[in-house]
């Protein structure tokens, strides 16, 4: 964990940056690359009665690592997604409490 939920970017596009993106994030968070999940959500965007192109929105679900790491994490994600020729990227964080997150029935607070 962290879990990145990606909207507005195709599966094929994410595949091209996935290895370097996850490696950079793992280096920042001082954890293994196997801790990360990338989920690409198909979204259809509608405006004024028409389907319109979407924009990249990456939601990060994770445990709090402090503002400095969060800022750097957002910067890394933005850099990799902008490399796919998107001019704007939005990144939003949802923070889990360790006591409210369970693995095989055991709270992360007790691990």
PDB file of N, CA and C in Angstrom:
ATOM      1  N   UNK A   1       0.846  -1.150   0.000  1.00  0.00           N
ATOM      2  CA  UNK A   1       0.000   0.000   0.000  1.00  0.00           C
ATOM      3  C   UNK A   1       0.901   1.223   0.000  1.00  0.00           C
ATOM      4  N   UNK A   2       0.903   2.076  -0.854  1.00  0.00           N
ATOM      5  CA  UNK A   2      -0.155   2.891  -1.392  1.00  0.00           C
ATOM      6  C   UNK A   2      -0.887   2.267  -2.598  1.00  0.00           C
ATOM      7  N   UNK A   3      -2.120   2.707  -2.736  1.00  0.00           N
ATOM      8  CA  UNK A   3      -2.995   2.278  -3.814  1.00  0.00           C
ATOM      9  C   UNK A   3      -3.315   3.521  -4.640  1.00  0.00           C
ATOM     10  N   UNK A   4      -2.963   3.484  -5.930  1.00  0.00           N
ATOM     11  CA  UNK A   4      -3.233   4.605  -6.821  1.00  0.00           C
ATOM     12  C   UNK A   4      -4.398   4.233  -7.730  1.00  0.00           C
ATOM     13  N   UNK A   5      -5.442   5.025  -7.685  1.00  0.00           N
ATOM     14  CA  UNK A   5      -6.607   4.833  -8.535  1.00  0.00           C
ATOM     15  C   UNK A   5      -6.534   5.912  -9.611  1.00  0.00           C
ATOM     16  N   UNK A   6      -6.405   5.474 -10.845  1.00  0.00           N
ATOM     17  CA  UNK A   6      -6.077   6.371 -11.949  1.00  0.00           C
ATOM     18  C   UNK A   6      -7.271   6.490 -12.892  1.00  0.00           C
ATOM     19  N   UNK A   7      -7.685   7.716 -13.135  1.00  0.00           N
ATOM     20  CA  UNK A   7      -8.771   8.008 -14.075  1.00  0.00           C
ATOM     21  C   UNK A   7      -8.250   8.955 -15.154  1.00  0.00           C
ATOM     22  N   UNK A   8      -8.831   8.826 -16.347  1.00  0.00           N
ATOM     23  CA  UNK A   8      -8.472   9.748 -17.422  1.00  0.00           C
ATOM     24  C   UNK A   8      -7.181   9.399 -18.129  1.00  0.00           C
ATOM     25  N   UNK A   9      -6.636   8.227 -17.858  1.00  0.00           N
ATOM     26  CA  UNK A   9      -5.409   7.748 -18.490  1.00  0.00           C
ATOM     27  C   UNK A   9      -5.676   6.299 -18.894  1.00  0.00           C
ATOM     28  N   UNK A  10      -5.290   5.927 -20.105  1.00  0.00           N
ATOM     29  CA  UNK A  10      -5.568   4.566 -20.577  1.00  0.00           C
ATOM     30  C   UNK A  10      -4.645   3.538 -19.924  1.00  0.00           C
ATOM     31  N   UNK A  11      -5.078   2.303 -19.971  1.00  0.00           N
ATOM     32  CA  UNK A  11      -4.256   1.200 -19.452  1.00  0.00           C
ATOM     33  C   UNK A  11      -2.912   1.174 -20.171  1.00  0.00           C
ATOM     34  N   UNK A  12      -2.933   1.285 -21.491  1.00  0.00           N
ATOM     35  CA  UNK A  12      -1.683   1.239 -22.248  1.00  0.00           C
ATOM     36  C   UNK A  12      -0.747   2.382 -21.868  1.00  0.00           C
ATOM     37  N   UNK A  13      -1.301   3.561 -21.625  1.00  0.00           N
ATOM     38  CA  UNK A  13      -0.461   4.687 -21.210  1.00  0.00           C
ATOM     39  C   UNK A  13       0.164   4.422 -19.846  1.00  0.00           C
ATOM     40  N   UNK A  14      -0.631   3.919 -18.908  1.00  0.00           N
ATOM     41  CA  UNK A  14      -0.101   3.636 -17.573  1.00  0.00           C
ATOM     42  C   UNK A  14       0.978   2.556 -17.646  1.00  0.00           C
ATOM     43  N   UNK A  15       0.798   1.570 -18.496  1.00  0.00           N
ATOM     44  CA  UNK A  15       1.807   0.512 -18.643  1.00  0.00           C
ATOM     45  C   UNK A  15       3.167   1.090 -19.011  1.00  0.00           C
ATOM     46  N   UNK A  16       3.175   2.125 -19.846  1.00  0.00           N
ATOM     47  CA  UNK A  16       4.464   2.668 -20.308  1.00  0.00           C
ATOM     48  C   UNK A  16       5.246   3.364 -19.210  1.00  0.00           C
ATOM     49  N   UNK A  17       4.561   3.855 -18.182  1.00  0.00           N
ATOM     50  CA  UNK A  17       5.261   4.558 -17.091  1.00  0.00           C
ATOM     51  C   UNK A  17       5.238   3.781 -15.781  1.00  0.00           C
ATOM     52  N   UNK A  18       4.549   2.653 -15.742  1.00  0.00           N
ATOM     53  CA  UNK A  18       4.308   1.967 -14.461  1.00  0.00           C
ATOM     54  C   UNK A  18       5.584   1.543 -13.742  1.00  0.00           C
ATOM     55  N   UNK A  19       6.537   0.991 -14.466  1.00  0.00           N
ATOM     56  CA  UNK A  19       7.751   0.492 -13.811  1.00  0.00           C
ATOM     57  C   UNK A  19       8.551   1.632 -13.196  1.00  0.00           C
ATOM     58  N   UNK A  20       8.800   2.673 -13.971  1.00  0.00           N
ATOM     59  CA  UNK A  20       9.604   3.786 -13.444  1.00  0.00           C
ATOM     60  C   UNK A  20       8.832   4.576 -12.389  1.00  0.00           C
ATOM     61  N   UNK A  21       7.527   4.729 -12.574  1.00  0.00           N
ATOM     62  CA  UNK A  21       6.700   5.430 -11.583  1.00  0.00           C
ATOM     63  C   UNK A  21       6.765   4.728 -10.236  1.00  0.00           C
ATOM     64  N   UNK A  22       6.497   3.436 -10.245  1.00  0.00           N
ATOM     65  CA  UNK A  22       6.485   2.690  -8.981  1.00  0.00           C
ATOM     66  C   UNK A  22       7.873   2.647  -8.357  1.00  0.00           C
ATOM     67  N   UNK A  23       8.913   2.526  -9.159  1.00  0.00           N
ATOM     68  CA  UNK A  23      10.271   2.515  -8.600  1.00  0.00           C
ATOM     69  C   UNK A  23      10.592   3.844  -7.925  1.00  0.00           C
ATOM     70  N   UNK A  24      10.241   4.954  -8.575  1.00  0.00           N
ATOM     71  CA  UNK A  24      10.494   6.266  -7.977  1.00  0.00           C
ATOM     72  C   UNK A  24       9.709   6.449  -6.676  1.00  0.00           C
ATOM     73  N   UNK A  25       8.456   5.980  -6.667  1.00  0.00           N
ATOM     74  CA  UNK A  25       7.635   6.106  -5.455  1.00  0.00           C
ATOM     75  C   UNK A  25       8.156   5.203  -4.339  1.00  0.00           C
ATOM     76  N   UNK A  26       8.585   3.999  -4.693  1.00  0.00           N
ATOM     77  CA  UNK A  26       9.140   3.082  -3.696  1.00  0.00           C
ATOM     78  C   UNK A  26      10.424   3.656  -3.088  1.00  0.00           C
ATOM     79  N   UNK A  27      11.253   4.258  -3.921  1.00  0.00           N
ATOM     80  CA  UNK A  27      12.479   4.889  -3.410  1.00  0.00           C
ATOM     81  C   UNK A  27      12.128   5.999  -2.426  1.00  0.00           C
ATOM     82  N   UNK A  28      11.148   6.816  -2.777  1.00  0.00           N
ATOM     83  CA  UNK A  28      10.725   7.906  -1.896  1.00  0.00           C
ATOM     84  C   UNK A  28      10.189   7.377  -0.570  1.00  0.00           C
ATOM     85  N   UNK A  29       9.357   6.347  -0.640  1.00  0.00           N
ATOM     86  CA  UNK A  29       8.698   5.815   0.564  1.00  0.00           C
ATOM     87  C   UNK A  29       9.545   4.790   1.308  1.00  0.00           C
ATOM     88  N   UNK A  30      10.724   4.480   0.778  1.00  0.00           N
ATOM     89  CA  UNK A  30      11.630   3.498   1.388  1.00  0.00           C
ATOM     90  C   UNK A  30      10.923   2.173   1.638  1.00  0.00           C
ATOM     91  N   UNK A  31      10.267   1.674   0.573  1.00  0.00           N
ATOM     92  CA  UNK A  31       9.601   0.375   0.662  1.00  0.00           C
ATOM     93  C   UNK A  31       9.744  -0.343  -0.674  1.00  0.00           C
ATOM     94  N   UNK A  32       9.324  -1.582  -0.715  1.00  0.00           N
ATOM     95  CA  UNK A  32       9.425  -2.363  -1.936  1.00  0.00           C
ATOM     96  C   UNK A  32       8.382  -1.964  -2.967  1.00  0.00           C
ATOM     97  N   UNK A  33       8.690  -2.243  -4.219  1.00  0.00           N
ATOM     98  CA  UNK A  33       7.749  -1.935  -5.292  1.00  0.00           C
ATOM     99  C   UNK A  33       6.479  -2.777  -5.193  1.00  0.00           C
ATOM    100  N   UNK A  34       6.569  -3.915  -4.521  1.00  0.00           N
ATOM    101  CA  UNK A  34       5.396  -4.786  -4.389  1.00  0.00           C
ATOM    102  C   UNK A  34       4.363  -4.238  -3.401  1.00  0.00           C
ATOM    103  N   UNK A  35       4.662  -3.127  -2.769  1.00  0.00           N
ATOM    104  CA  UNK A  35       3.708  -2.483  -1.868  1.00  0.00           C
ATOM    105  C   UNK A  35       2.684  -1.631  -2.612  1.00  0.00           C
ATOM    106  N   UNK A  36       2.891  -1.397  -3.902  1.00  0.00           N
ATOM    107  CA  UNK A  36       2.059  -0.473  -4.667  1.00  0.00           C
ATOM    108  C   UNK A  36       1.039  -1.208  -5.518  1.00  0.00           C
ATOM    109  N   UNK A  37      -0.132  -0.609  -5.624  1.00  0.00           N
ATOM    110  CA  UNK A  37      -1.184  -1.092  -6.510  1.00  0.00           C
ATOM    111  C   UNK A  37      -1.586   0.058  -7.422  1.00  0.00           C
ATOM    112  N   UNK A  38      -1.614  -0.218  -8.724  1.00  0.00           N
ATOM    113  CA  UNK A  38      -2.101   0.750  -9.697  1.00  0.00           C
ATOM    114  C   UNK A  38      -3.414   0.206 -10.249  1.00  0.00           C
ATOM    115  N   UNK A  39      -4.465   0.954 -10.085  1.00  0.00           N
ATOM    116  CA  UNK A  39      -5.781   0.558 -10.595  1.00  0.00           C
ATOM    117  C   UNK A  39      -6.220   1.614 -11.602  1.00  0.00           C
ATOM    118  N   UNK A  40      -6.505   1.177 -12.827  1.00  0.00           N
ATOM    119  CA  UNK A  40      -6.944   2.104 -13.858  1.00  0.00           C
ATOM    120  C   UNK A  40      -8.458   1.948 -14.008  1.00  0.00           C
ATOM    121  N   UNK A  41      -9.167   3.039 -13.786  1.00  0.00           N
ATOM    122  CA  UNK A  41     -10.621   3.041 -13.832  1.00  0.00           C
ATOM    123  C   UNK A  41     -11.060   3.663 -15.154  1.00  0.00           C
ATOM    124  N   UNK A  42     -11.910   2.939 -15.883  1.00  0.00           N
ATOM    125  CA  UNK A  42     -12.475   3.521 -17.096  1.00  0.00           C
ATOM    126  C   UNK A  42     -13.559   4.510 -16.686  1.00  0.00           C
ATOM    127  N   UNK A  43     -13.411   5.729 -17.137  1.00  0.00           N
ATOM    128  CA  UNK A  43     -14.386   6.761 -16.834  1.00  0.00           C
ATOM    129  C   UNK A  43     -14.853   7.389 -18.136  1.00  0.00           C
ATOM    130  N   UNK A  44     -16.126   7.658 -18.203  1.00  0.00           N
ATOM    131  CA  UNK A  44     -16.678   8.394 -19.327  1.00  0.00           C
ATOM    132  C   UNK A  44     -17.050   9.770 -18.818  1.00  0.00           C
ATOM    133  N   UNK A  45     -16.504  10.789 -19.446  1.00  0.00           N
ATOM    134  CA  UNK A  45     -16.748  12.161 -19.041  1.00  0.00           C
ATOM    135  C   UNK A  45     -17.799  12.780 -19.967  1.00  0.00           C
ATOM    136  N   UNK A  46     -18.748  13.468 -19.386  1.00  0.00           N
ATOM    137  CA  UNK A  46     -19.829  14.084 -20.143  1.00  0.00           C
ATOM    138  C   UNK A  46     -19.926  15.553 -19.757  1.00  0.00           C
ATOM    139  N   UNK A  47     -20.069  16.389 -20.780  1.00  0.00           N
ATOM    140  CA  UNK A  47     -20.294  17.817 -20.563  1.00  0.00           C
ATOM    141  C   UNK A  47     -21.243  18.321 -21.635  1.00  0.00           C
ATOM    142  N   UNK A  48     -22.259  19.014 -21.209  1.00  0.00           N
ATOM    143  CA  UNK A  48     -23.198  19.657 -22.124  1.00  0.00           C
ATOM    144  C   UNK A  48     -23.793  18.659 -23.126  1.00  0.00           C
ATOM    145  N   UNK A  49     -24.133  17.474 -22.627  1.00  0.00           N
ATOM    146  CA  UNK A  49     -24.784  16.467 -23.465  1.00  0.00           C
ATOM    147  C   UNK A  49     -23.870  15.681 -24.374  1.00  0.00           C
ATOM    148  N   UNK A  50     -22.562  15.857 -24.242  1.00  0.00           N
ATOM    149  CA  UNK A  50     -21.610  15.163 -25.116  1.00  0.00           C
ATOM    150  C   UNK A  50     -20.533  14.471 -24.294  1.00  0.00           C
ATOM    151  N   UNK A  51     -20.023  13.356 -24.844  1.00  0.00           N
ATOM    152  CA  UNK A  51     -18.834  12.745 -24.256  1.00  0.00           C
ATOM    153  C   UNK A  51     -17.652  13.644 -24.586  1.00  0.00           C
ATOM    154  N   UNK A  52     -16.828  13.877 -23.589  1.00  0.00           N
ATOM    155  CA  UNK A  52     -15.659  14.738 -23.773  1.00  0.00           C
ATOM    156  C   UNK A  52     -14.423  14.019 -23.249  1.00  0.00           C
ATOM    157  N   UNK A  53     -13.251  14.412 -23.719  1.00  0.00           N
ATOM    158  CA  UNK A  53     -12.030  13.793 -23.189  1.00  0.00           C
ATOM    159  C   UNK A  53     -11.900  14.062 -21.695  1.00  0.00           C
ATOM    160  N   UNK A  54     -11.391  13.083 -20.990  1.00  0.00           N
ATOM    161  CA  UNK A  54     -11.181  13.238 -19.557  1.00  0.00           C
ATOM    162  C   UNK A  54      -9.842  13.879 -19.269  1.00  0.00           C
ATOM    163  N   UNK A  55      -9.591  14.045 -17.997  1.00  0.00           N
ATOM    164  CA  UNK A  55      -8.315  14.574 -17.545  1.00  0.00           C
ATOM    165  C   UNK A  55      -7.786  13.627 -16.482  1.00  0.00           C
ATOM    166  N   UNK A  56      -6.495  13.553 -16.329  1.00  0.00           N
ATOM    167  CA  UNK A  56      -5.929  12.653 -15.343  1.00  0.00           C
ATOM    168  C   UNK A  56      -6.253  13.078 -13.909  1.00  0.00           C
ATOM    169  N   UNK A  57      -6.859  12.166 -13.189  1.00  0.00           N
ATOM    170  CA  UNK A  57      -7.106  12.334 -11.760  1.00  0.00           C
ATOM    171  C   UNK A  57      -6.594  11.076 -11.081  1.00  0.00           C
ATOM    172  N   UNK A  58      -5.606  11.242 -10.231  1.00  0.00           N
ATOM    173  CA  UNK A  58      -5.010  10.115  -9.524  1.00  0.00           C
ATOM    174  C   UNK A  58      -5.331  10.275  -8.051  1.00  0.00           C
ATOM    175  N   UNK A  59      -6.064   9.299  -7.525  1.00  0.00           N
ATOM    176  CA  UNK A  59      -6.396   9.279  -6.106  1.00  0.00           C
ATOM    177  C   UNK A  59      -5.437   8.315  -5.423  1.00  0.00           C
ATOM    178  N   UNK A  60      -4.789   8.784  -4.386  1.00  0.00           N
ATOM    179  CA  UNK A  60      -3.820   7.974  -3.651  1.00  0.00           C
ATOM    180  C   UNK A  60      -4.416   7.633  -2.298  1.00  0.00           C
ATOM    181  N   UNK A  61      -4.536   6.337  -2.028  1.00  0.00           N
ATOM    182  CA  UNK A  61      -4.984   5.874  -0.716  1.00  0.00           C
ATOM    183  C   UNK A  61      -3.767   5.278  -0.023  1.00  0.00           C
ATOM    184  N   UNK A  62      -3.507   5.790   1.177  1.00  0.00           N
ATOM    185  CA  UNK A  62      -2.278   5.372   1.856  1.00  0.00           C
ATOM    186  C   UNK A  62      -2.304   5.720   3.328  1.00  0.00           C
ATOM    187  N   UNK A  63      -1.219   5.333   4.037  1.00  0.00           N
ATOM    188  CA  UNK A  63      -1.003   5.744   5.414  1.00  0.00           C
ATOM    189  C   UNK A  63      -0.216   7.059   5.382  1.00  0.00           C
ATOM    190  N   UNK A  64      -0.493   7.935   6.306  1.00  0.00           N
ATOM    191  CA  UNK A  64       0.151   9.236   6.371  1.00  0.00           C
ATOM    192  C   UNK A  64       1.670   9.082   6.476  1.00  0.00           C
ATOM    193  N   UNK A  65       2.368   9.789   5.627  1.00  0.00           N
ATOM    194  CA  UNK A  65       3.828   9.797   5.647  1.00  0.00           C
ATOM    195  C   UNK A  65       4.384  11.206   5.832  1.00  0.00           C
ATOM    196  N   UNK A  66       3.507  12.138   6.186  1.00  0.00           N
ATOM    197  CA  UNK A  66       3.937  13.512   6.409  1.00  0.00           C
ATOM    198  C   UNK A  66       3.818  14.347   5.146  1.00  0.00           C
ATOM    199  N   UNK A  67       3.737  15.664   5.352  1.00  0.00           N
ATOM    200  CA  UNK A  67       3.498  16.597   4.249  1.00  0.00           C
ATOM    201  C   UNK A  67       4.628  16.605   3.229  1.00  0.00           C
ATOM    202  N   UNK A  68       5.872  16.550   3.687  1.00  0.00           N
ATOM    203  CA  UNK A  68       7.002  16.601   2.760  1.00  0.00           C
ATOM    204  C   UNK A  68       6.989  15.409   1.803  1.00  0.00           C
ATOM    205  N   UNK A  69       6.792  14.209   2.327  1.00  0.00           N
ATOM    206  CA  UNK A  69       6.732  13.014   1.481  1.00  0.00           C
ATOM    207  C   UNK A  69       5.509  13.080   0.573  1.00  0.00           C
ATOM    208  N   UNK A  70       4.385  13.534   1.098  1.00  0.00           N
ATOM    209  CA  UNK A  70       3.173  13.652   0.278  1.00  0.00           C
ATOM    210  C   UNK A  70       3.410  14.613  -0.890  1.00  0.00           C
ATOM    211  N   UNK A  71       4.040  15.748  -0.627  1.00  0.00           N
ATOM    212  CA  UNK A  71       4.327  16.711  -1.692  1.00  0.00           C
ATOM    213  C   UNK A  71       5.236  16.098  -2.761  1.00  0.00           C
ATOM    214  N   UNK A  72       6.260  15.385  -2.328  1.00  0.00           N
ATOM    215  CA  UNK A  72       7.182  14.748  -3.273  1.00  0.00           C
ATOM    216  C   UNK A  72       6.484  13.638  -4.049  1.00  0.00           C
ATOM    217  N   UNK A  73       5.624  12.883  -3.376  1.00  0.00           N
ATOM    218  CA  UNK A  73       4.863  11.807  -4.012  1.00  0.00           C
ATOM    219  C   UNK A  73       3.997  12.397  -5.131  1.00  0.00           C
ATOM    220  N   UNK A  74       3.272  13.472  -4.832  1.00  0.00           N
ATOM    221  CA  UNK A  74       2.414  14.126  -5.825  1.00  0.00           C
ATOM    222  C   UNK A  74       3.250  14.636  -7.000  1.00  0.00           C
ATOM    223  N   UNK A  75       4.421  15.157  -6.718  1.00  0.00           N
ATOM    224  CA  UNK A  75       5.297  15.661  -7.771  1.00  0.00           C
ATOM    225  C   UNK A  75       5.770  14.533  -8.688  1.00  0.00           C
ATOM    226  N   UNK A  76       6.130  13.403  -8.112  1.00  0.00           N
ATOM    227  CA  UNK A  76       6.574  12.249  -8.903  1.00  0.00           C
ATOM    228  C   UNK A  76       5.437  11.745  -9.786  1.00  0.00           C
ATOM    229  N   UNK A  77       4.254  11.587  -9.214  1.00  0.00           N
ATOM    230  CA  UNK A  77       3.100  11.129  -9.994  1.00  0.00           C
ATOM    231  C   UNK A  77       2.832  12.107 -11.133  1.00  0.00           C
ATOM    232  N   UNK A  78       2.815  13.389 -10.828  1.00  0.00           N
ATOM    233  CA  UNK A  78       2.551  14.413 -11.839  1.00  0.00           C
ATOM    234  C   UNK A  78       3.576  14.348 -12.966  1.00  0.00           C
ATOM    235  N   UNK A  79       4.838  14.226 -12.619  1.00  0.00           N
ATOM    236  CA  UNK A  79       5.915  14.174 -13.626  1.00  0.00           C
ATOM    237  C   UNK A  79       5.711  13.002 -14.576  1.00  0.00           C
ATOM    238  N   UNK A  80       5.407  11.840 -14.043  1.00  0.00           N
ATOM    239  CA  UNK A  80       5.248  10.651 -14.888  1.00  0.00           C
ATOM    240  C   UNK A  80       3.997  10.738 -15.767  1.00  0.00           C
ATOM    241  N   UNK A  81       2.911  11.260 -15.239  1.00  0.00           N
ATOM    242  CA  UNK A  81       1.685  11.370 -16.041  1.00  0.00           C
ATOM    243  C   UNK A  81       1.833  12.483 -17.077  1.00  0.00           C
ATOM    244  N   UNK A  82       2.469  13.581 -16.729  1.00  0.00           N
ATOM    245  CA  UNK A  82       2.697  14.638 -17.720  1.00  0.00           C
ATOM    246  C   UNK A  82       3.626  14.179 -18.837  1.00  0.00           C
ATOM    247  N   UNK A  83       4.485  13.211 -18.570  1.00  0.00           N
ATOM    248  CA  UNK A  83       5.343  12.650 -19.611  1.00  0.00           C
ATOM    249  C   UNK A  83       4.519  11.963 -20.700  1.00  0.00           C
ATOM    250  N   UNK A  84       3.260  11.651 -20.386  1.00  0.00           N
ATOM    251  CA  UNK A  84       2.344  11.059 -21.370  1.00  0.00           C
ATOM    252  C   UNK A  84       1.633  12.140 -22.187  1.00  0.00           C
ATOM    253  N   UNK A  85       2.101  13.378 -22.066  1.00  0.00           N
ATOM    254  CA  UNK A  85       1.609  14.538 -22.808  1.00  0.00           C
ATOM    255  C   UNK A  85       0.253  15.035 -22.317  1.00  0.00           C
ATOM    256  N   UNK A  86       0.025  14.916 -21.007  1.00  0.00           N
ATOM    257  CA  UNK A  86      -1.126  15.553 -20.382  1.00  0.00           C
ATOM    258  C   UNK A  86      -0.642  16.861 -19.770  1.00  0.00           C
ATOM    259  N   UNK A  87      -1.263  17.987 -20.119  1.00  0.00           N
ATOM    260  CA  UNK A  87      -0.794  19.265 -19.575  1.00  0.00           C
ATOM    261  C   UNK A  87      -1.156  19.476 -18.108  1.00  0.00           C
ATOM    262  N   UNK A  88      -2.252  18.835 -17.652  1.00  0.00           N
ATOM    263  CA  UNK A  88      -2.679  18.988 -16.262  1.00  0.00           C
ATOM    264  C   UNK A  88      -2.906  17.622 -15.640  1.00  0.00           C
ATOM    265  N   UNK A  89      -2.534  17.517 -14.379  1.00  0.00           N
ATOM    266  CA  UNK A  89      -2.727  16.284 -13.613  1.00  0.00           C
ATOM    267  C   UNK A  89      -3.204  16.681 -12.227  1.00  0.00           C
ATOM    268  N   UNK A  90      -4.259  16.035 -11.766  1.00  0.00           N
ATOM    269  CA  UNK A  90      -4.730  16.260 -10.404  1.00  0.00           C
ATOM    270  C   UNK A  90      -4.421  15.014  -9.575  1.00  0.00           C
ATOM    271  N   UNK A  91      -3.917  15.238  -8.363  1.00  0.00           N
ATOM    272  CA  UNK A  91      -3.599  14.158  -7.429  1.00  0.00           C
ATOM    273  C   UNK A  91      -4.302  14.475  -6.118  1.00  0.00           C
ATOM    274  N   UNK A  92      -5.044  13.502  -5.604  1.00  0.00           N
ATOM    275  CA  UNK A  92      -5.765  13.683  -4.336  1.00  0.00           C
ATOM    276  C   UNK A  92      -5.421  12.523  -3.413  1.00  0.00           C
ATOM    277  N   UNK A  93      -5.222  12.829  -2.142  1.00  0.00           N
ATOM    278  CA  UNK A  93      -4.827  11.821  -1.156  1.00  0.00           C
ATOM    279  C   UNK A  93      -5.972  11.523  -0.198  1.00  0.00           C
ATOM    280  N   UNK A  94      -6.165  10.234   0.083  1.00  0.00           N
ATOM    281  CA  UNK A  94      -7.049   9.766   1.147  1.00  0.00           C
ATOM    282  C   UNK A  94      -6.171   8.984   2.104  1.00  0.00           C
ATOM    283  N   UNK A  95      -6.194   9.373   3.362  1.00  0.00           N
ATOM    284  CA  UNK A  95      -5.307   8.767   4.349  1.00  0.00           C
ATOM    285  C   UNK A  95      -6.069   7.797   5.236  1.00  0.00           C
ATOM    286  N   UNK A  96      -5.519   6.597   5.367  1.00  0.00           N
ATOM    287  CA  UNK A  96      -6.085   5.581   6.244  1.00  0.00           C
ATOM    288  C   UNK A  96      -5.434   5.657   7.623  1.00  0.00           C
ATOM    289  N   UNK A  97      -6.209   5.402   8.645  1.00  0.00           N
ATOM    290  CA  UNK A  97      -5.677   5.211   9.986  1.00  0.00           C
ATOM    291  C   UNK A  97      -5.231   3.752  10.089  1.00  0.00           C
ATOM    292  N   UNK A  98      -4.049   3.513  10.627  1.00  0.00           N
ATOM    293  CA  UNK A  98      -3.561   2.137  10.737  1.00  0.00           C
ATOM    294  C   UNK A  98      -4.505   1.263  11.545  1.00  0.00           C
ATOM    295  N   UNK A  99      -5.166   1.836  12.546  1.00  0.00           N
ATOM    296  CA  UNK A  99      -6.091   1.064  13.380  1.00  0.00           C
ATOM    297  C   UNK A  99      -7.374   0.692  12.631  1.00  0.00           C
ATOM    298  N   UNK A 100      -7.638   1.328  11.501  1.00  0.00           N
ATOM    299  CA  UNK A 100      -8.859   1.070  10.732  1.00  0.00           C
ATOM    300  C   UNK A 100      -8.581   0.307   9.438  1.00  0.00           C
ATOM    301  N   UNK A 101      -7.356  -0.204   9.266  1.00  0.00           N
ATOM    302  CA  UNK A 101      -6.974  -0.937   8.059  1.00  0.00           C
ATOM    303  C   UNK A 101      -6.512  -2.319   8.483  1.00  0.00           C
ATOM    304  N   UNK A 102      -7.069  -3.350   7.854  1.00  0.00           N
ATOM    305  CA  UNK A 102      -6.835  -4.727   8.291  1.00  0.00           C
ATOM    306  C   UNK A 102      -6.237  -5.565   7.183  1.00  0.00           C
ATOM    307  N   UNK A 103      -5.372  -6.458   7.568  1.00  0.00           N
ATOM    308  CA  UNK A 103      -4.801  -7.466   6.682  1.00  0.00           C
ATOM    309  C   UNK A 103      -5.056  -8.821   7.326  1.00  0.00           C
ATOM    310  N   UNK A 104      -5.830  -9.647   6.656  1.00  0.00           N
ATOM    311  CA  UNK A 104      -6.172 -10.972   7.182  1.00  0.00           C
ATOM    312  C   UNK A 104      -6.752 -10.889   8.582  1.00  0.00           C
ATOM    313  N   UNK A 105      -7.608  -9.893   8.800  1.00  0.00           N
ATOM    314  CA  UNK A 105      -8.299  -9.757  10.066  1.00  0.00           C
ATOM    315  C   UNK A 105      -7.503  -9.098  11.179  1.00  0.00           C
ATOM    316  N   UNK A 106      -6.278  -8.648  10.890  1.00  0.00           N
ATOM    317  CA  UNK A 106      -5.453  -8.002  11.917  1.00  0.00           C
ATOM    318  C   UNK A 106      -5.216  -6.557  11.542  1.00  0.00           C
ATOM    319  N   UNK A 107      -5.471  -5.685  12.480  1.00  0.00           N
ATOM    320  CA  UNK A 107      -5.272  -4.255  12.287  1.00  0.00           C
ATOM    321  C   UNK A 107      -3.789  -3.959  12.060  1.00  0.00           C
ATOM    322  N   UNK A 108      -3.502  -3.045  11.153  1.00  0.00           N
ATOM    323  CA  UNK A 108      -2.116  -2.640  10.929  1.00  0.00           C
ATOM    324  C   UNK A 108      -1.527  -2.015  12.183  1.00  0.00           C
ATOM    325  N   UNK A 109      -2.347  -1.487  13.063  1.00  0.00           N
ATOM    326  CA  UNK A 109      -1.857  -0.902  14.311  1.00  0.00           C
ATOM    327  C   UNK A 109      -1.239  -1.975  15.204  1.00  0.00           C
ATOM    328  N   UNK A 110      -1.656  -3.227  15.029  1.00  0.00           N
ATOM    329  CA  UNK A 110      -1.128  -4.295  15.883  1.00  0.00           C
ATOM    330  C   UNK A 110      -0.016  -5.096  15.204  1.00  0.00           C
ATOM    331  N   UNK A 111       0.304  -4.773  13.952  1.00  0.00           N
ATOM    332  CA  UNK A 111       1.350  -5.522  13.252  1.00  0.00           C
ATOM    333  C   UNK A 111       2.728  -4.949  13.518  1.00  0.00           C
TER     334      UNK A 111
END
